[in-house]
Protein backbone atom coordinates (compact mmCIF):
# COMPACT_ATOMS: atom_id res chain seq x y z
CA MET A 1 -19.19 20.11 -9.98
CA TYR A 2 -20.53 21.91 -12.98
CA THR A 3 -22.08 20.53 -16.26
CA ASP A 4 -19.68 18.56 -18.50
CA ALA A 5 -16.83 18.15 -15.88
CA LEU A 6 -14.87 14.93 -16.78
CA VAL A 7 -14.77 12.19 -14.10
CA ARG A 8 -12.89 8.95 -14.34
CA LEU A 9 -13.24 5.61 -12.75
CA GLU A 10 -9.93 3.66 -12.59
CA CYS A 11 -9.51 0.16 -11.11
CA ARG A 12 -5.99 -1.05 -10.48
CA SER A 13 -4.07 -4.16 -9.25
CA ARG A 14 -3.45 -4.06 -5.41
CA GLU A 15 -0.09 -5.81 -6.00
CA ASN A 16 1.59 -3.72 -8.62
CA GLU A 17 -0.73 -0.57 -9.30
CA THR A 18 -1.38 -1.75 -13.02
CA VAL A 19 -4.51 -0.17 -14.36
CA ILE A 20 -6.92 -2.80 -15.25
CA TYR A 21 -10.09 -0.95 -16.10
CA THR A 22 -10.86 2.75 -16.97
CA GLU A 23 -14.24 4.44 -17.74
CA ASP A 24 -14.95 8.12 -18.21
CA ALA A 25 -18.13 10.11 -17.88
CA THR A 26 -19.21 13.73 -17.90
CA THR A 27 -21.47 15.47 -15.23
CA ASP A 28 -25.06 16.55 -15.99
CA ASP A 29 -26.67 19.91 -15.18
CA ASN A 30 -26.76 18.86 -11.46
CA GLY A 31 -23.12 17.94 -11.28
CA SER A 32 -24.14 14.17 -11.20
CA TYR A 33 -22.69 11.41 -13.23
CA LYS A 34 -23.27 7.67 -13.78
CA LEU A 35 -20.86 4.85 -14.80
CA TYR A 36 -22.02 1.64 -15.83
CA VAL A 37 -19.68 -1.25 -14.96
CA ASN A 38 -20.38 -4.88 -15.90
CA ALA A 39 -17.56 -6.57 -14.10
CA ASP A 40 -16.44 -7.51 -10.72
CA PHE A 41 -13.26 -5.85 -9.21
CA GLN A 42 -13.15 -7.44 -5.74
CA GLU A 43 -9.40 -7.83 -5.90
CA GLN A 44 -8.72 -4.37 -7.32
CA ILE A 45 -8.71 -0.94 -6.01
CA CYS A 46 -11.20 1.27 -7.81
CA GLU A 47 -11.45 5.15 -7.48
CA VAL A 48 -13.28 7.96 -9.05
CA THR A 49 -11.33 11.13 -9.81
CA ALA A 50 -12.39 14.60 -11.06
CA ILE A 51 -10.32 15.03 -14.10
CA LYS A 52 -11.31 18.31 -15.83
CA SER A 53 -13.56 21.21 -15.28
CA ASN A 54 -15.09 23.15 -18.19
CA THR A 55 -15.44 26.20 -16.03
CA ASP A 56 -12.41 28.65 -16.23
CA ASP A 57 -13.12 30.13 -12.79
CA CYS A 58 -13.51 26.87 -10.93
CA ASN A 59 -10.93 24.41 -12.44
CA GLU A 60 -8.34 23.90 -9.54
CA LYS A 61 -8.22 20.34 -8.16
CA PHE A 62 -8.71 19.59 -4.49
CA ASP A 63 -5.51 17.69 -3.57
CA ALA A 64 -6.90 16.69 -0.17
CA ILE A 65 -10.05 15.00 -1.64
CA GLU A 66 -8.78 14.14 -5.04
CA ARG A 67 -10.19 10.66 -5.21
CA ALA A 68 -13.08 8.60 -4.02
CA ARG A 69 -12.69 4.86 -3.47
CA VAL A 70 -15.61 2.72 -4.55
CA LEU A 71 -16.09 -1.01 -4.06
CA ILE A 72 -17.16 -2.66 -7.36
CA THR A 73 -18.23 -6.15 -6.34
CA LYS A 74 -21.30 -8.19 -5.60
CA LYS A 75 -19.42 -10.15 -2.90
CA ASN A 76 -19.55 -7.47 -0.20
CA GLY A 77 -23.20 -7.96 1.16
CA ILE A 78 -24.57 -4.89 -0.58
CA GLN A 79 -27.90 -5.82 -2.33
CA SER A 80 -28.01 -2.90 -4.67
CA ALA A 81 -25.98 -2.78 -7.83
CA ALA A 82 -25.53 0.97 -7.43
CA ARG A 83 -22.49 2.36 -5.76
CA TYR A 84 -21.97 5.99 -4.64
CA ALA A 85 -18.61 7.93 -4.40
CA ASN A 86 -17.79 10.50 -1.97
CA PRO A 87 -18.01 14.26 -3.36
CA LEU A 88 -15.56 15.34 -5.80
CA GLY A 89 -15.12 18.82 -7.20
CA PHE A 90 -12.87 21.78 -8.15
CA MET A 91 -11.99 24.94 -6.25
CA LYS A 92 -13.10 28.36 -7.38
CA LYS A 93 -10.36 30.84 -8.09
CA GLU A 94 -12.24 33.50 -5.99
CA ILE A 95 -13.53 32.24 -2.70
CA SER A 96 -16.71 33.45 -1.11
CA ASP A 97 -16.92 34.30 2.50
CA GLU A 98 -19.15 31.38 3.32
CA CYS A 99 -16.72 28.90 1.92
CA LYS A 100 -14.24 29.22 4.87
CA GLU A 101 -17.00 28.27 7.19
CA VAL A 102 -17.91 25.15 5.20
CA ILE A 103 -14.35 23.99 4.79
CA GLU A 104 -13.81 24.49 8.57
CA GLU A 105 -16.81 22.29 9.15
CA LEU A 106 -15.54 19.74 6.76
CA PHE A 107 -12.00 19.58 8.39
CA PRO A 108 -12.49 20.58 12.01
CA GLU A 109 -9.30 19.11 13.31
CA ASP A 110 -6.73 20.11 10.57
CA MET A 111 -7.51 22.13 7.57
CA PRO A 112 -5.39 21.06 4.61
CA ASP A 113 -2.68 23.42 3.48
CA GLU A 114 -4.20 24.08 0.04
CA PHE A 115 -7.26 25.49 1.82
CA LYS A 116 -5.24 27.56 4.24
CA LYS A 117 -3.32 29.17 1.43
CA LYS A 118 -6.67 30.12 -0.42
CA PHE A 119 -7.97 31.84 2.72
CA GLU A 120 -4.82 33.88 3.54
CA ASN A 121 -5.11 35.81 0.30
């Protein structure tokens, strides 16, 4: 991700999908972000999503890896208060040659259709 991309943490009920908590953050110069949550969501599903890129040539969402689930509770045996989400990001409109190799390494068995379409062009 690039600087100032918008990411969102959303926690929702497991029973009826009602959104219970939302927190937004923007990425720094390294594409990193921090969200500070002072609550326990043991009974909810919490996910981080890449919402918006400020870069015109890199703003298409990855449907295959759109969300990253995060466990936000102190009742899971993890000593640290820090939680880390899987990588999120956006696709560039023009794909470099090296990109196909990386995507094939990430998805060795079955490359998602959205990537196959990009490489066909």
